[in-house]
Amino acid sequence: MFTSISLAQQIGLGVLLVAAVVWVLGLGHMLWDSRFHHPEPGAYEGLAVIPAQRSAASHPMERVELTPEEQEAFAGLVRTIPLN
């Protein structure tokens, strides 16, 4: 093939060329498939983005009972939040 480069370099060049051709064909196939195969609007079966709200009667491990002092401290903290 080339007389100025060694056999190992020629083999490496051939492998690189084959890898580039395979990559281009794979990319073209992927783009061609995504161009014509659109999922149906209601076909998504993944998780919801925002989970549904639980009812007021939630699990006991998800509730914290506050003492009256803690309730007053929390109310004072909420009053310090600017509303504008």
PDB file of N, CA and C in Angstrom:
ATOM      1  N   MET A   1       0.844  -1.173   0.000  1.00  0.00           N
ATOM      2  CA  MET A   1       0.000   0.000   0.000  1.00  0.00           C
ATOM      3  C   MET A   1       0.896   1.245   0.000  1.00  0.00           C
ATOM      4  N   PHE A   2       1.358   1.705   1.165  1.00  0.00           N
ATOM      5  CA  PHE A   2       2.267   2.851   1.236  1.00  0.00           C
ATOM      6  C   PHE A   2       3.674   2.321   1.509  1.00  0.00           C
ATOM      7  N   THR A   3       4.637   2.773   0.763  1.00  0.00           N
ATOM      8  CA  THR A   3       6.007   2.281   0.956  1.00  0.00           C
ATOM      9  C   THR A   3       6.739   3.061   2.029  1.00  0.00           C
ATOM     10  N   SER A   4       6.260   4.226   2.407  1.00  0.00           N
ATOM     11  CA  SER A   4       6.989   5.044   3.364  1.00  0.00           C
ATOM     12  C   SER A   4       6.612   4.752   4.821  1.00  0.00           C
ATOM     13  N   ILE A   5       5.582   3.922   5.092  1.00  0.00           N
ATOM     14  CA  ILE A   5       5.211   3.605   6.463  1.00  0.00           C
ATOM     15  C   ILE A   5       5.338   2.112   6.682  1.00  0.00           C
ATOM     16  N   SER A   6       5.520   1.722   7.945  1.00  0.00           N
ATOM     17  CA  SER A   6       5.744   0.314   8.268  1.00  0.00           C
ATOM     18  C   SER A   6       4.448  -0.488   8.153  1.00  0.00           C
ATOM     19  N   LEU A   7       4.587  -1.801   8.239  1.00  0.00           N
ATOM     20  CA  LEU A   7       3.435  -2.701   8.162  1.00  0.00           C
ATOM     21  C   LEU A   7       2.490  -2.486   9.345  1.00  0.00           C
ATOM     22  N   ALA A   8       3.045  -2.271  10.543  1.00  0.00           N
ATOM     23  CA  ALA A   8       2.209  -2.047  11.726  1.00  0.00           C
ATOM     24  C   ALA A   8       1.385  -0.772  11.567  1.00  0.00           C
ATOM     25  N   GLN A   9       1.981   0.262  10.982  1.00  0.00           N
ATOM     26  CA  GLN A   9       1.245   1.497  10.763  1.00  0.00           C
ATOM     27  C   GLN A   9       0.159   1.311   9.706  1.00  0.00           C
ATOM     28  N   GLN A  10       0.424   0.495   8.695  1.00  0.00           N
ATOM     29  CA  GLN A  10      -0.585   0.217   7.679  1.00  0.00           C
ATOM     30  C   GLN A  10      -1.756  -0.559   8.279  1.00  0.00           C
ATOM     31  N   ILE A  11      -1.449  -1.509   9.154  1.00  0.00           N
ATOM     32  CA  ILE A  11      -2.516  -2.279   9.821  1.00  0.00           C
ATOM     33  C   ILE A  11      -3.337  -1.349  10.716  1.00  0.00           C
ATOM     34  N   GLY A  12      -2.668  -0.481  11.460  1.00  0.00           N
ATOM     35  CA  GLY A  12      -3.371   0.472  12.324  1.00  0.00           C
ATOM     36  C   GLY A  12      -4.256   1.411  11.530  1.00  0.00           C
ATOM     37  N   LEU A  13      -3.753   1.861  10.387  1.00  0.00           N
ATOM     38  CA  LEU A  13      -4.547   2.732   9.529  1.00  0.00           C
ATOM     39  C   LEU A  13      -5.779   2.012   8.991  1.00  0.00           C
ATOM     40  N   GLY A  14      -5.627   0.754   8.647  1.00  0.00           N
ATOM     41  CA  GLY A  14      -6.762  -0.036   8.161  1.00  0.00           C
ATOM     42  C   GLY A  14      -7.809  -0.247   9.246  1.00  0.00           C
ATOM     43  N   VAL A  15      -7.344  -0.561  10.467  1.00  0.00           N
ATOM     44  CA  VAL A  15      -8.272  -0.753  11.587  1.00  0.00           C
ATOM     45  C   VAL A  15      -9.002   0.553  11.896  1.00  0.00           C
ATOM     46  N   LEU A  16      -8.278   1.661  11.875  1.00  0.00           N
ATOM     47  CA  LEU A  16      -8.894   2.955  12.115  1.00  0.00           C
ATOM     48  C   LEU A  16      -9.925   3.287  11.049  1.00  0.00           C
ATOM     49  N   LEU A  17      -9.618   2.980   9.807  1.00  0.00           N
ATOM     50  CA  LEU A  17     -10.553   3.234   8.714  1.00  0.00           C
ATOM     51  C   LEU A  17     -11.818   2.388   8.864  1.00  0.00           C
ATOM     52  N   VAL A  18     -11.668   1.113   9.209  1.00  0.00           N
ATOM     53  CA  VAL A  18     -12.828   0.234   9.404  1.00  0.00           C
ATOM     54  C   VAL A  18     -13.672   0.731  10.577  1.00  0.00           C
ATOM     55  N   ALA A  19     -13.028   1.136  11.677  1.00  0.00           N
ATOM     56  CA  ALA A  19     -13.766   1.641  12.838  1.00  0.00           C
ATOM     57  C   ALA A  19     -14.540   2.909  12.475  1.00  0.00           C
ATOM     58  N   ALA A  20     -13.932   3.790  11.685  1.00  0.00           N
ATOM     59  CA  ALA A  20     -14.612   5.024  11.277  1.00  0.00           C
ATOM     60  C   ALA A  20     -15.818   4.715  10.399  1.00  0.00           C
ATOM     61  N   VAL A  21     -15.684   3.770   9.489  1.00  0.00           N
ATOM     62  CA  VAL A  21     -16.800   3.408   8.610  1.00  0.00           C
ATOM     63  C   VAL A  21     -17.944   2.797   9.425  1.00  0.00           C
ATOM     64  N   VAL A  22     -17.609   1.920  10.365  1.00  0.00           N
ATOM     65  CA  VAL A  22     -18.635   1.302  11.212  1.00  0.00           C
ATOM     66  C   VAL A  22     -19.335   2.363  12.053  1.00  0.00           C
ATOM     67  N   TRP A  23     -18.583   3.323  12.590  1.00  0.00           N
ATOM     68  CA  TRP A  23     -19.173   4.384  13.393  1.00  0.00           C
ATOM     69  C   TRP A  23     -20.120   5.241  12.557  1.00  0.00           C
ATOM     70  N   VAL A  24     -19.701   5.608  11.358  1.00  0.00           N
ATOM     71  CA  VAL A  24     -20.550   6.435  10.491  1.00  0.00           C
ATOM     72  C   VAL A  24     -21.815   5.681  10.110  1.00  0.00           C
ATOM     73  N   LEU A  25     -21.695   4.400   9.800  1.00  0.00           N
ATOM     74  CA  LEU A  25     -22.882   3.610   9.456  1.00  0.00           C
ATOM     75  C   LEU A  25     -23.819   3.483  10.660  1.00  0.00           C
ATOM     76  N   GLY A  26     -23.273   3.256  11.830  1.00  0.00           N
ATOM     77  CA  GLY A  26     -24.106   3.164  13.030  1.00  0.00           C
ATOM     78  C   GLY A  26     -24.809   4.464  13.342  1.00  0.00           C
ATOM     79  N   LEU A  27     -24.093   5.585  13.208  1.00  0.00           N
ATOM     80  CA  LEU A  27     -24.708   6.889  13.447  1.00  0.00           C
ATOM     81  C   LEU A  27     -25.814   7.169  12.434  1.00  0.00           C
ATOM     82  N   GLY A  28     -25.564   6.841  11.179  1.00  0.00           N
ATOM     83  CA  GLY A  28     -26.593   7.031  10.150  1.00  0.00           C
ATOM     84  C   GLY A  28     -27.810   6.167  10.411  1.00  0.00           C
ATOM     85  N   HIS A  29     -27.592   4.925  10.817  1.00  0.00           N
ATOM     86  CA  HIS A  29     -28.711   4.027  11.131  1.00  0.00           C
ATOM     87  C   HIS A  29     -29.515   4.563  12.308  1.00  0.00           C
ATOM     88  N   MET A  30     -28.823   5.056  13.347  1.00  0.00           N
ATOM     89  CA  MET A  30     -29.509   5.584  14.515  1.00  0.00           C
ATOM     90  C   MET A  30     -30.329   6.823  14.149  1.00  0.00           C
ATOM     91  N   LEU A  31     -29.752   7.713  13.356  1.00  0.00           N
ATOM     92  CA  LEU A  31     -30.489   8.916  12.953  1.00  0.00           C
ATOM     93  C   LEU A  31     -31.657   8.577  12.034  1.00  0.00           C
ATOM     94  N   TRP A  32     -31.479   7.615  11.155  1.00  0.00           N
ATOM     95  CA  TRP A  32     -32.550   7.206  10.243  1.00  0.00           C
ATOM     96  C   TRP A  32     -33.718   6.604  11.025  1.00  0.00           C
ATOM     97  N   ASP A  33     -33.415   5.771  12.021  1.00  0.00           N
ATOM     98  CA  ASP A  33     -34.475   5.171  12.831  1.00  0.00           C
ATOM     99  C   ASP A  33     -35.214   6.216  13.653  1.00  0.00           C
ATOM    100  N   SER A  34     -34.498   7.161  14.227  1.00  0.00           N
ATOM    101  CA  SER A  34     -35.165   8.160  15.058  1.00  0.00           C
ATOM    102  C   SER A  34     -35.974   9.131  14.209  1.00  0.00           C
ATOM    103  N   ARG A  35     -35.675   9.205  12.934  1.00  0.00           N
ATOM    104  CA  ARG A  35     -36.401  10.115  12.061  1.00  0.00           C
ATOM    105  C   ARG A  35     -37.801   9.597  11.746  1.00  0.00           C
ATOM    106  N   PHE A  36     -37.966   8.304  11.647  1.00  0.00           N
ATOM    107  CA  PHE A  36     -39.239   7.737  11.207  1.00  0.00           C
ATOM    108  C   PHE A  36     -40.031   7.027  12.294  1.00  0.00           C
ATOM    109  N   HIS A  37     -39.437   6.727  13.422  1.00  0.00           N
ATOM    110  CA  HIS A  37     -40.132   5.992  14.478  1.00  0.00           C
ATOM    111  C   HIS A  37     -40.378   6.916  15.657  1.00  0.00           C
ATOM    112  N   HIS A  38     -41.555   7.541  15.677  1.00  0.00           N
ATOM    113  CA  HIS A  38     -41.924   8.419  16.775  1.00  0.00           C
ATOM    114  C   HIS A  38     -42.851   7.657  17.714  1.00  0.00           C
ATOM    115  N   PRO A  39     -42.602   7.713  19.024  1.00  0.00           N
ATOM    116  CA  PRO A  39     -43.497   7.013  19.954  1.00  0.00           C
ATOM    117  C   PRO A  39     -44.861   7.688  19.993  1.00  0.00           C
ATOM    118  N   GLU A  40     -45.861   6.899  20.303  1.00  0.00           N
ATOM    119  CA  GLU A  40     -47.205   7.449  20.426  1.00  0.00           C
ATOM    120  C   GLU A  40     -47.269   8.338  21.663  1.00  0.00           C
ATOM    121  N   PRO A  41     -48.117   9.357  21.660  1.00  0.00           N
ATOM    122  CA  PRO A  41     -48.141  10.290  22.798  1.00  0.00           C
ATOM    123  C   PRO A  41     -48.442   9.631  24.132  1.00  0.00           C
ATOM    124  N   GLY A  42     -49.307   8.645  24.175  1.00  0.00           N
ATOM    125  CA  GLY A  42     -49.659   8.012  25.443  1.00  0.00           C
ATOM    126  C   GLY A  42     -48.872   6.755  25.733  1.00  0.00           C
ATOM    127  N   ALA A  43     -47.808   6.499  25.003  1.00  0.00           N
ATOM    128  CA  ALA A  43     -47.095   5.244  25.136  1.00  0.00           C
ATOM    129  C   ALA A  43     -46.044   5.249  26.236  1.00  0.00           C
ATOM    130  N   TYR A  44     -45.769   6.403  26.856  1.00  0.00           N
ATOM    131  CA  TYR A  44     -44.739   6.471  27.884  1.00  0.00           C
ATOM    132  C   TYR A  44     -45.240   5.811  29.153  1.00  0.00           C
ATOM    133  N   GLU A  45     -44.494   4.832  29.650  1.00  0.00           N
ATOM    134  CA  GLU A  45     -44.922   4.105  30.842  1.00  0.00           C
ATOM    135  C   GLU A  45     -43.918   4.254  31.972  1.00  0.00           C
ATOM    136  N   GLY A  46     -43.148   5.317  31.968  1.00  0.00           N
ATOM    137  CA  GLY A  46     -42.141   5.533  33.010  1.00  0.00           C
ATOM    138  C   GLY A  46     -42.766   6.086  34.277  1.00  0.00           C
ATOM    139  N   LEU A  47     -41.910   6.491  35.186  1.00  0.00           N
ATOM    140  CA  LEU A  47     -42.372   7.070  36.433  1.00  0.00           C
ATOM    141  C   LEU A  47     -42.904   8.478  36.195  1.00  0.00           C
ATOM    142  N   ALA A  48     -43.831   8.875  37.013  1.00  0.00           N
ATOM    143  CA  ALA A  48     -44.352  10.232  36.927  1.00  0.00           C
ATOM    144  C   ALA A  48     -43.264  11.204  37.372  1.00  0.00           C
ATOM    145  N   VAL A  49     -43.270  12.381  36.824  1.00  0.00           N
ATOM    146  CA  VAL A  49     -42.256  13.367  37.174  1.00  0.00           C
ATOM    147  C   VAL A  49     -42.445  13.824  38.614  1.00  0.00           C
ATOM    148  N   ILE A  50     -43.673  14.119  38.977  1.00  0.00           N
ATOM    149  CA  ILE A  50     -43.975  14.530  40.343  1.00  0.00           C
ATOM    150  C   ILE A  50     -44.890  13.462  40.937  1.00  0.00           C
ATOM    151  N   PRO A  51     -44.486  12.842  42.029  1.00  0.00           N
ATOM    152  CA  PRO A  51     -45.333  11.803  42.610  1.00  0.00           C
ATOM    153  C   PRO A  51     -46.642  12.386  43.137  1.00  0.00           C
ATOM    154  N   ALA A  52     -47.656  11.552  43.181  1.00  0.00           N
ATOM    155  CA  ALA A  52     -48.965  11.987  43.656  1.00  0.00           C
ATOM    156  C   ALA A  52     -48.892  12.341  45.139  1.00  0.00           C
ATOM    157  N   GLN A  53     -49.673  13.333  45.531  1.00  0.00           N
ATOM    158  CA  GLN A  53     -49.704  13.744  46.926  1.00  0.00           C
ATOM    159  C   GLN A  53     -50.422  12.680  47.742  1.00  0.00           C
ATOM    160  N   ARG A  54     -49.907  12.455  48.913  1.00  0.00           N
ATOM    161  CA  ARG A  54     -50.565  11.490  49.802  1.00  0.00           C
ATOM    162  C   ARG A  54     -51.706  12.182  50.538  1.00  0.00           C
ATOM    163  N   SER A  55     -52.592  11.392  51.052  1.00  0.00           N
ATOM    164  CA  SER A  55     -53.723  11.962  51.772  1.00  0.00           C
ATOM    165  C   SER A  55     -53.266  12.505  53.125  1.00  0.00           C
ATOM    166  N   ALA A  56     -54.185  13.171  53.825  1.00  0.00           N
ATOM    167  CA  ALA A  56     -53.850  13.740  55.131  1.00  0.00           C
ATOM    168  C   ALA A  56     -53.492  12.643  56.128  1.00  0.00           C
ATOM    169  N   ALA A  57     -54.035  11.458  55.941  1.00  0.00           N
ATOM    170  CA  ALA A  57     -53.742  10.344  56.837  1.00  0.00           C
ATOM    171  C   ALA A  57     -52.515   9.603  56.303  1.00  0.00           C
ATOM    172  N   SER A  58     -51.361  10.225  56.437  1.00  0.00           N
ATOM    173  CA  SER A  58     -50.140   9.610  55.922  1.00  0.00           C
ATOM    174  C   SER A  58     -49.598   8.594  56.914  1.00  0.00           C
ATOM    175  N   HIS A  59     -48.546   7.966  56.532  1.00  0.00           N
ATOM    176  CA  HIS A  59     -47.915   6.952  57.373  1.00  0.00           C
ATOM    177  C   HIS A  59     -47.369   7.614  58.637  1.00  0.00           C
ATOM    178  N   PRO A  60     -47.448   6.951  59.787  1.00  0.00           N
ATOM    179  CA  PRO A  60     -46.970   7.573  61.035  1.00  0.00           C
ATOM    180  C   PRO A  60     -45.481   7.932  61.006  1.00  0.00           C
ATOM    181  N   MET A  61     -44.697   7.227  60.236  1.00  0.00           N
ATOM    182  CA  MET A  61     -43.266   7.529  60.174  1.00  0.00           C
ATOM    183  C   MET A  61     -42.995   8.799  59.358  1.00  0.00           C
ATOM    184  N   GLU A  62     -43.986   9.317  58.657  1.00  0.00           N
ATOM    185  CA  GLU A  62     -43.807  10.511  57.848  1.00  0.00           C
ATOM    186  C   GLU A  62     -44.334  11.757  58.541  1.00  0.00           C
ATOM    187  N   ARG A  63     -44.732  11.650  59.776  1.00  0.00           N
ATOM    188  CA  ARG A  63     -45.259  12.776  60.545  1.00  0.00           C
ATOM    189  C   ARG A  63     -44.364  13.030  61.746  1.00  0.00           C
ATOM    190  N   VAL A  64     -44.316  14.281  62.144  1.00  0.00           N
ATOM    191  CA  VAL A  64     -43.585  14.658  63.354  1.00  0.00           C
ATOM    192  C   VAL A  64     -44.516  15.533  64.180  1.00  0.00           C
ATOM    193  N   GLU A  65     -44.747  15.122  65.414  1.00  0.00           N
ATOM    194  CA  GLU A  65     -45.571  15.923  66.311  1.00  0.00           C
ATOM    195  C   GLU A  65     -44.674  16.964  66.978  1.00  0.00           C
ATOM    196  N   LEU A  66     -45.075  18.237  66.884  1.00  0.00           N
ATOM    197  CA  LEU A  66     -44.289  19.309  67.463  1.00  0.00           C
ATOM    198  C   LEU A  66     -44.861  19.697  68.821  1.00  0.00           C
ATOM    199  N   THR A  67     -43.958  20.062  69.706  1.00  0.00           N
ATOM    200  CA  THR A  67     -44.397  20.574  71.002  1.00  0.00           C
ATOM    201  C   THR A  67     -44.891  21.999  70.798  1.00  0.00           C
ATOM    202  N   PRO A  68     -45.648  22.544  71.729  1.00  0.00           N
ATOM    203  CA  PRO A  68     -46.117  23.932  71.583  1.00  0.00           C
ATOM    204  C   PRO A  68     -44.957  24.925  71.417  1.00  0.00           C
ATOM    205  N   GLU A  69     -43.834  24.712  72.102  1.00  0.00           N
ATOM    206  CA  GLU A  69     -42.689  25.609  71.949  1.00  0.00           C
ATOM    207  C   GLU A  69     -42.122  25.520  70.525  1.00  0.00           C
ATOM    208  N   GLU A  70     -42.074  24.323  69.991  1.00  0.00           N
ATOM    209  CA  GLU A  70     -41.574  24.159  68.626  1.00  0.00           C
ATOM    210  C   GLU A  70     -42.524  24.794  67.618  1.00  0.00           C
ATOM    211  N   GLN A  71     -43.823  24.686  67.870  1.00  0.00           N
ATOM    212  CA  GLN A  71     -44.797  25.315  66.980  1.00  0.00           C
ATOM    213  C   GLN A  71     -44.646  26.830  66.993  1.00  0.00           C
ATOM    214  N   GLU A  72     -44.434  27.404  68.181  1.00  0.00           N
ATOM    215  CA  GLU A  72     -44.241  28.853  68.276  1.00  0.00           C
ATOM    216  C   GLU A  72     -42.954  29.274  67.576  1.00  0.00           C
ATOM    217  N   ALA A  73     -41.890  28.502  67.746  1.00  0.00           N
ATOM    218  CA  ALA A  73     -40.615  28.825  67.101  1.00  0.00           C
ATOM    219  C   ALA A  73     -40.757  28.740  65.587  1.00  0.00           C
ATOM    220  N   PHE A  74     -41.472  27.741  65.100  1.00  0.00           N
ATOM    221  CA  PHE A  74     -41.677  27.599  63.655  1.00  0.00           C
ATOM    222  C   PHE A  74     -42.519  28.754  63.120  1.00  0.00           C
ATOM    223  N   ALA A  75     -43.559  29.135  63.857  1.00  0.00           N
ATOM    224  CA  ALA A  75     -44.402  30.263  63.435  1.00  0.00           C
ATOM    225  C   ALA A  75     -43.576  31.542  63.387  1.00  0.00           C
ATOM    226  N   GLY A  76     -42.678  31.757  64.362  1.00  0.00           N
ATOM    227  CA  GLY A  76     -41.813  32.935  64.339  1.00  0.00           C
ATOM    228  C   GLY A  76     -40.860  32.908  63.166  1.00  0.00           C
ATOM    229  N   LEU A  77     -40.363  31.736  62.837  1.00  0.00           N
ATOM    230  CA  LEU A  77     -39.476  31.605  61.685  1.00  0.00           C
ATOM    231  C   LEU A  77     -40.199  31.900  60.384  1.00  0.00           C
ATOM    232  N   VAL A  78     -41.436  31.432  60.266  1.00  0.00           N
ATOM    233  CA  VAL A  78     -42.223  31.677  59.059  1.00  0.00           C
ATOM    234  C   VAL A  78     -42.519  33.170  58.921  1.00  0.00           C
ATOM    235  N   ARG A  79     -42.749  33.850  60.021  1.00  0.00           N
ATOM    236  CA  ARG A  79     -43.041  35.291  59.978  1.00  0.00           C
ATOM    237  C   ARG A  79     -41.837  36.094  59.482  1.00  0.00           C
ATOM    238  N   THR A  80     -40.634  35.572  59.633  1.00  0.00           N
ATOM    239  CA  THR A  80     -39.443  36.309  59.187  1.00  0.00           C
ATOM    240  C   THR A  80     -39.186  36.186  57.698  1.00  0.00           C
ATOM    241  N   ILE A  81     -39.898  35.314  57.012  1.00  0.00           N
ATOM    242  CA  ILE A  81     -39.696  35.116  55.574  1.00  0.00           C
ATOM    243  C   ILE A  81     -40.358  36.264  54.822  1.00  0.00           C
ATOM    244  N   PRO A  82     -39.602  36.979  53.979  1.00  0.00           N
ATOM    245  CA  PRO A  82     -40.219  38.072  53.220  1.00  0.00           C
ATOM    246  C   PRO A  82     -41.156  37.523  52.158  1.00  0.00           C
ATOM    247  N   LEU A  83     -42.294  38.151  51.975  1.00  0.00           N
ATOM    248  CA  LEU A  83     -43.305  37.654  51.040  1.00  0.00           C
ATOM    249  C   LEU A  83     -43.319  38.372  49.703  1.00  0.00           C
ATOM    250  N   ASN A  84     -42.380  39.240  49.439  1.00  0.00           N
ATOM    251  CA  ASN A  84     -42.396  39.961  48.153  1.00  0.00           C
ATOM    252  C   ASN A  84     -41.409  39.430  47.219  1.00  0.00           C
TER     253      ASN A  84
END
